[in-house]
C-alpha cells in the first residue's frame, strides 16, 4: 500500500487547541503542529504570551487564535474551550500542557501543596477534556486529545509525592476517557516527559543535572521540540490505532531508573515549586 506523507501526517487544515501554549513545551508544540499544516489556538494564563505565539504562527501561514483563562477556575476553562470551539473551531484536537510541581518530603507536605498540585495537574485536565469531549460527541465528530503527564506518574520520586500522585491520576483518567470515548471517535493518549529543558528550567539550572544525566541512557535532558514531535504523533494518523497509551519521552530514564533524588532531599525547600511541563 502506497501512502503519502500527507496521508500519514494528516494535520493540514486541522484545528487544534493547546492549553498552556504560551511558552516552553506548548509553544514548541504549536510550531511543530504548524509545520505539518495545523491551525492552532493558543490558550494561556497570560494573553500577551498567547498573542505573541499566535502572531508567530500566522506569520508562517497558518491560522491561529489567542485566548486566556485561569485553568484553576472551572468556569474559565469551560468558557475558553467553548470560545475556541465556536470562534476558531470546530476543534479536531486538544493538547493539555500545563503542569507545575510542589517540592516537599511527605512529612513536611502541607494540604495546600497537595491540593494545588492536584488542581494544576489533574483537575483542570478533567474539566478541559470533559468539555471538549461533550462538544465533539454532540456533533458526531472525531478528535484527538493528548496531555502531558510525567515519568513521576509512572514511578515514585522523592519530594514529588503530590505531583506524582496527580500525574498518575491524570494517566488513569486518560485511560478511562479512552475506554469511554474511542468507540465514538475520540482518541486519548498521554506523554510522560523526563527532564526537559524549558524556560522555567533552563539547561544548567539543576544542581544535580550532571549526576542525573549520567543515569539517563541518552546522557542529556530532552528538548521541547522532542516533546512536540511526540504530540504530533498522537495528533496525526500515524497513531490511528493507538489510544489510552502512555509514551515516555525521557531518553531511556524509566528503563534504567535513578535513585539520585534521595541525595538531594536535604536541599529541597518545603513548598518550593518548579515549572515542569510548561
Protein backbone atom coordinates (compact mmCIF):
# COMPACT_ATOMS: atom_id res chain seq x y z
CA UNK A 1 0.00 0.00 0.00
CA UNK A 2 1.41 3.36 -1.03
CA UNK A 3 0.78 6.14 1.47
CA UNK A 4 1.81 9.75 1.09
CA UNK A 5 3.26 11.93 3.81
CA UNK A 6 0.06 13.95 3.77
CA UNK A 7 -1.98 10.84 4.47
CA UNK A 8 0.25 9.84 7.36
CA UNK A 9 0.60 13.32 8.86
CA UNK A 10 -3.00 14.38 8.26
CA UNK A 11 -2.86 17.74 10.01
CA UNK A 12 -3.45 20.17 7.13
CA UNK A 13 -6.49 22.23 8.00
CA UNK A 14 -6.93 20.56 11.39
CA UNK A 15 -7.81 22.91 14.22
CA UNK A 16 -6.04 22.12 17.47
CA UNK A 17 -6.19 23.87 20.84
CA UNK A 18 -3.12 23.94 23.06
CA UNK A 19 -3.91 24.52 26.73
CA UNK A 20 -0.75 26.13 28.03
CA UNK A 21 0.61 27.11 24.63
CA UNK A 22 2.30 30.40 25.51
CA UNK A 23 5.81 29.12 26.18
CA UNK A 24 8.04 26.09 26.53
CA UNK A 25 6.55 22.74 25.52
CA UNK A 26 3.31 24.42 24.47
CA UNK A 27 4.95 26.96 22.18
CA UNK A 28 7.21 24.32 20.63
CA UNK A 29 4.21 22.06 20.06
CA UNK A 30 2.34 24.89 18.35
CA UNK A 31 5.18 25.41 15.89
CA UNK A 32 5.69 21.74 15.11
CA UNK A 33 1.94 21.28 14.56
CA UNK A 34 2.02 24.31 12.26
CA UNK A 35 4.89 22.76 10.32
CA UNK A 36 2.54 19.94 9.42
CA UNK A 37 -0.19 22.37 8.41
CA UNK A 38 -2.38 22.50 11.51
CA UNK A 39 -4.18 25.66 12.57
CA UNK A 40 -3.52 26.22 16.25
CA UNK A 41 -5.39 28.06 19.02
CA UNK A 42 -3.23 29.14 21.97
CA UNK A 43 -4.71 29.21 25.47
CA UNK A 44 -2.50 30.67 28.19
CA UNK A 45 -2.90 32.34 31.56
CA UNK A 46 -1.24 35.43 30.11
CA UNK A 47 -2.99 36.71 26.99
CA UNK A 48 0.12 38.59 25.82
CA UNK A 49 2.09 35.34 25.63
CA UNK A 50 -0.70 33.61 23.73
CA UNK A 51 -1.00 36.51 21.29
CA UNK A 52 2.74 36.52 20.58
CA UNK A 53 2.73 32.80 19.72
CA UNK A 54 -0.40 33.28 17.59
CA UNK A 55 1.27 36.10 15.64
CA UNK A 56 4.35 33.97 15.07
CA UNK A 57 2.19 31.13 13.74
CA UNK A 58 0.21 33.39 11.43
CA UNK A 59 3.48 34.71 10.04
CA UNK A 60 4.17 31.13 8.98
CA UNK A 61 0.94 30.99 7.01
CA UNK A 62 -1.40 29.08 9.31
CA UNK A 63 -4.46 30.34 11.16
CA UNK A 64 -4.19 30.93 14.89
CA UNK A 65 -6.26 32.29 17.74
CA UNK A 66 -5.22 33.53 21.18
CA UNK A 67 -7.25 33.39 24.36
CA UNK A 68 -6.62 33.35 28.09
CA UNK A 69 -8.01 31.58 31.13
CA UNK A 70 -7.02 30.59 34.63
CA UNK A 71 -7.26 26.80 34.50
CA UNK A 72 -7.72 26.67 38.27
CA UNK A 73 -11.20 28.17 37.76
CA UNK A 74 -13.75 25.80 36.25
CA UNK A 75 -15.94 28.46 34.65
CA UNK A 76 -12.93 30.00 32.92
CA UNK A 77 -11.58 26.78 31.41
CA UNK A 78 -15.07 25.69 30.27
CA UNK A 79 -15.68 29.11 28.70
CA UNK A 80 -12.29 29.00 26.98
CA UNK A 81 -12.98 25.60 25.41
CA UNK A 82 -16.34 26.89 24.19
CA UNK A 83 -14.77 30.04 22.78
CA UNK A 84 -12.03 28.15 20.94
CA UNK A 85 -14.51 25.64 19.54
CA UNK A 86 -17.05 28.19 18.35
CA UNK A 87 -14.84 31.07 17.22
CA UNK A 88 -11.82 29.13 15.93
CA UNK A 89 -13.07 25.57 15.51
CA UNK A 90 -14.76 23.24 15.32
CA UNK A 91 -11.78 21.72 17.06
CA UNK A 92 -10.17 18.49 15.88
CA UNK A 93 -7.75 18.12 18.75
CA UNK A 94 -6.66 19.39 22.14
CA UNK A 95 -3.24 19.25 23.79
CA UNK A 96 -3.02 19.89 27.55
CA UNK A 97 0.47 21.03 28.54
CA UNK A 98 0.08 22.77 31.87
CA UNK A 99 1.76 21.30 34.93
CA UNK A 100 3.64 22.50 37.98
CA UNK A 101 5.28 20.62 40.82
CA UNK A 102 5.45 21.30 44.53
CA UNK A 103 8.62 20.03 46.19
CA UNK A 104 8.41 18.62 49.74
CA UNK A 105 9.03 15.44 51.64
CA UNK A 106 5.76 13.81 52.65
CA UNK A 107 6.29 14.55 56.36
CA UNK A 108 6.74 18.24 55.52
CA UNK A 109 3.99 18.45 52.90
CA UNK A 110 1.05 20.69 53.62
CA UNK A 111 -2.50 20.14 52.48
CA UNK A 112 -2.15 23.32 50.44
CA UNK A 113 0.76 21.85 48.43
CA UNK A 114 -1.16 18.61 47.91
CA UNK A 115 -4.33 20.36 46.77
CA UNK A 116 -2.57 22.81 44.46
CA UNK A 117 -0.63 20.05 42.70
CA UNK A 118 -3.85 18.18 42.01
CA UNK A 119 -5.63 21.32 40.83
CA UNK A 120 -2.94 22.37 38.35
CA UNK A 121 -2.00 18.90 37.10
CA UNK A 122 -5.17 16.79 37.21
CA UNK A 123 -8.37 18.69 37.93
CA UNK A 124 -8.02 21.21 35.08
CA UNK A 125 -7.47 18.35 32.62
CA UNK A 126 -10.69 16.72 33.78
CA UNK A 127 -12.57 19.97 33.20
CA UNK A 128 -10.97 20.68 29.83
CA UNK A 129 -11.28 17.15 28.42
CA UNK A 130 -14.86 16.75 29.64
CA UNK A 131 -15.98 19.98 27.97
CA UNK A 132 -14.02 19.25 24.80
CA UNK A 133 -15.47 15.73 24.52
CA UNK A 134 -19.02 16.92 25.14
CA UNK A 135 -18.78 19.26 22.19
CA UNK A 136 -17.12 16.77 19.84
CA UNK A 137 -19.53 13.96 20.72
CA UNK A 138 -22.57 16.22 20.37
CA UNK A 139 -21.69 16.92 16.74
CA UNK A 140 -20.66 13.33 16.00
CA UNK A 141 -17.11 14.36 15.20
CA UNK A 142 -13.71 12.75 15.57
CA UNK A 143 -10.86 14.20 17.56
CA UNK A 144 -7.65 13.54 19.46
CA UNK A 145 -6.68 14.51 22.99
CA UNK A 146 -3.10 14.44 24.22
CA UNK A 147 -1.91 15.52 27.67
CA UNK A 148 1.48 15.76 29.33
CA UNK A 149 1.87 13.66 32.45
CA UNK A 150 5.34 12.88 33.80
CA UNK A 151 7.62 9.95 34.44
CA UNK A 152 6.85 10.74 38.10
CA UNK A 153 3.34 9.50 37.37
CA UNK A 154 4.83 6.16 36.30
CA UNK A 155 7.42 5.65 39.03
CA UNK A 156 7.89 7.02 42.53
CA UNK A 157 10.07 10.06 43.09
CA UNK A 158 11.17 11.55 46.41
CA UNK A 159 9.83 15.04 47.22
CA UNK A 160 7.32 14.72 44.36
CA UNK A 161 4.57 12.82 46.16
CA UNK A 162 1.71 15.22 45.40
CA UNK A 163 2.86 15.93 41.84
CA UNK A 164 3.47 12.27 41.07
CA UNK A 165 0.11 11.25 42.51
CA UNK A 166 -1.64 13.89 40.40
CA UNK A 167 0.16 12.81 37.23
CA UNK A 168 -0.60 9.15 37.96
CA UNK A 169 -4.23 10.18 38.34
CA UNK A 170 -4.07 12.00 35.01
CA UNK A 171 -2.75 8.85 33.35
CA UNK A 172 -5.53 6.72 34.82
CA UNK A 173 -8.17 9.31 33.92
CA UNK A 174 -6.94 9.47 30.33
CA UNK A 175 -7.08 5.68 30.03
CA UNK A 176 -10.68 5.73 31.25
CA UNK A 177 -11.53 8.50 28.81
CA UNK A 178 -10.03 6.42 26.02
CA UNK A 179 -12.20 3.45 27.01
CA UNK A 180 -15.37 5.56 27.11
CA UNK A 181 -14.79 7.72 24.04
CA UNK A 182 -12.64 5.87 21.50
CA UNK A 183 -15.54 3.91 20.00
CA UNK A 184 -17.23 7.26 19.40
CA UNK A 185 -14.28 8.84 17.61
CA UNK A 186 -12.11 10.44 20.31
CA UNK A 187 -8.64 9.01 20.94
CA UNK A 188 -6.89 9.95 24.19
CA UNK A 189 -3.17 9.47 24.82
CA UNK A 190 -0.52 10.64 27.26
CA UNK A 191 3.10 11.73 27.01
CA UNK A 192 5.26 11.28 30.11
CA UNK A 193 8.28 13.58 29.77
CA UNK A 194 11.51 13.09 31.61
CA UNK A 195 13.67 16.11 32.43
CA UNK A 196 13.09 18.68 29.69
CA UNK A 197 14.90 21.97 29.10
CA UNK A 198 12.23 24.70 29.28
CA UNK A 199 12.15 28.44 30.02
CA UNK A 200 11.24 27.60 33.61
CA UNK A 201 14.07 25.08 33.99
CA UNK A 202 16.86 26.14 31.60
CA UNK A 203 19.87 23.97 30.92
CA UNK A 204 22.42 24.07 33.72
CA UNK A 205 20.00 25.25 36.44
CA UNK A 206 19.51 21.94 38.26
CA UNK A 207 22.08 21.33 40.99
CA UNK A 208 22.04 17.60 40.29
CA UNK A 209 21.89 17.90 36.49
CA UNK A 210 25.25 16.30 35.67
CA UNK A 211 24.61 13.41 38.05
CA UNK A 212 21.08 12.94 36.72
CA UNK A 213 22.19 12.98 33.09
CA UNK A 214 24.74 10.28 33.86
CA UNK A 215 21.83 7.99 34.75
CA UNK A 216 19.91 8.74 31.54
CA UNK A 217 20.93 6.32 28.76
CA UNK A 218 21.00 9.22 26.28
CA UNK A 219 23.10 11.22 28.79
CA UNK A 220 21.22 14.52 28.45
CA UNK A 221 17.97 16.32 29.11
CA UNK A 222 15.31 16.48 26.43
CA UNK A 223 14.12 19.48 24.43
CA UNK A 224 10.70 20.99 23.98
CA UNK A 225 10.83 20.13 20.28
CA UNK A 226 11.24 16.47 21.16
CA UNK A 227 8.08 16.63 23.26
CA UNK A 228 6.31 18.43 20.42
CA UNK A 229 7.21 15.73 17.91
CA UNK A 230 5.66 13.10 20.18
CA UNK A 231 2.49 15.21 20.41
CA UNK A 232 2.32 15.33 16.61
CA UNK A 233 2.46 11.54 16.52
CA UNK A 234 -0.64 11.34 18.70
CA UNK A 235 -2.41 14.13 16.81
CA UNK A 236 -1.78 12.52 13.42
CA UNK A 237 -2.94 9.43 11.59
CA UNK A 238 0.39 7.80 12.37
CA UNK A 239 -1.25 6.76 15.65
CA UNK A 240 -4.68 5.94 14.19
CA UNK A 241 -4.94 2.64 16.14
CA UNK A 242 -3.39 3.99 19.36
CA UNK A 243 -5.49 5.12 22.31
CA UNK A 244 -5.21 5.03 26.09
CA UNK A 245 -1.42 4.79 25.90
CA UNK A 246 1.46 6.45 27.73
CA UNK A 247 4.63 7.33 25.83
CA UNK A 248 7.66 8.12 27.99
CA UNK A 249 9.85 10.71 26.27
CA UNK A 250 12.72 10.54 28.71
CA UNK A 251 15.92 9.44 26.98
CA UNK A 252 15.51 5.95 28.44
CA UNK A 253 15.34 7.14 32.05
CA UNK A 254 12.43 4.92 33.09
CA UNK A 255 14.18 1.95 31.50
CA UNK A 256 17.14 2.40 33.82
CA UNK A 257 15.83 4.24 36.88
CA UNK A 258 17.72 6.70 39.08
CA UNK A 259 17.65 6.89 42.90
CA UNK A 260 19.67 10.09 42.96
CA UNK A 261 16.85 12.39 44.08
CA UNK A 262 17.30 10.93 47.55
CA UNK A 263 20.75 12.54 47.64
CA UNK A 264 19.20 15.98 47.27
CA UNK A 265 16.28 15.74 49.70
CA UNK A 266 18.02 17.82 52.34
CA UNK A 267 18.33 20.72 49.87
CA UNK A 268 14.65 20.86 48.96
CA UNK A 269 12.84 23.92 50.23
CA UNK A 270 9.49 22.88 51.62
CA UNK A 271 6.69 24.24 49.48
CA UNK A 272 9.00 25.24 46.68
CA UNK A 273 7.61 24.96 43.19
CA UNK A 274 9.16 24.30 39.82
CA UNK A 275 7.64 24.52 36.40
CA UNK A 276 7.80 21.10 34.84
CA UNK A 277 5.61 20.81 31.76
CA UNK A 278 5.47 24.38 30.52
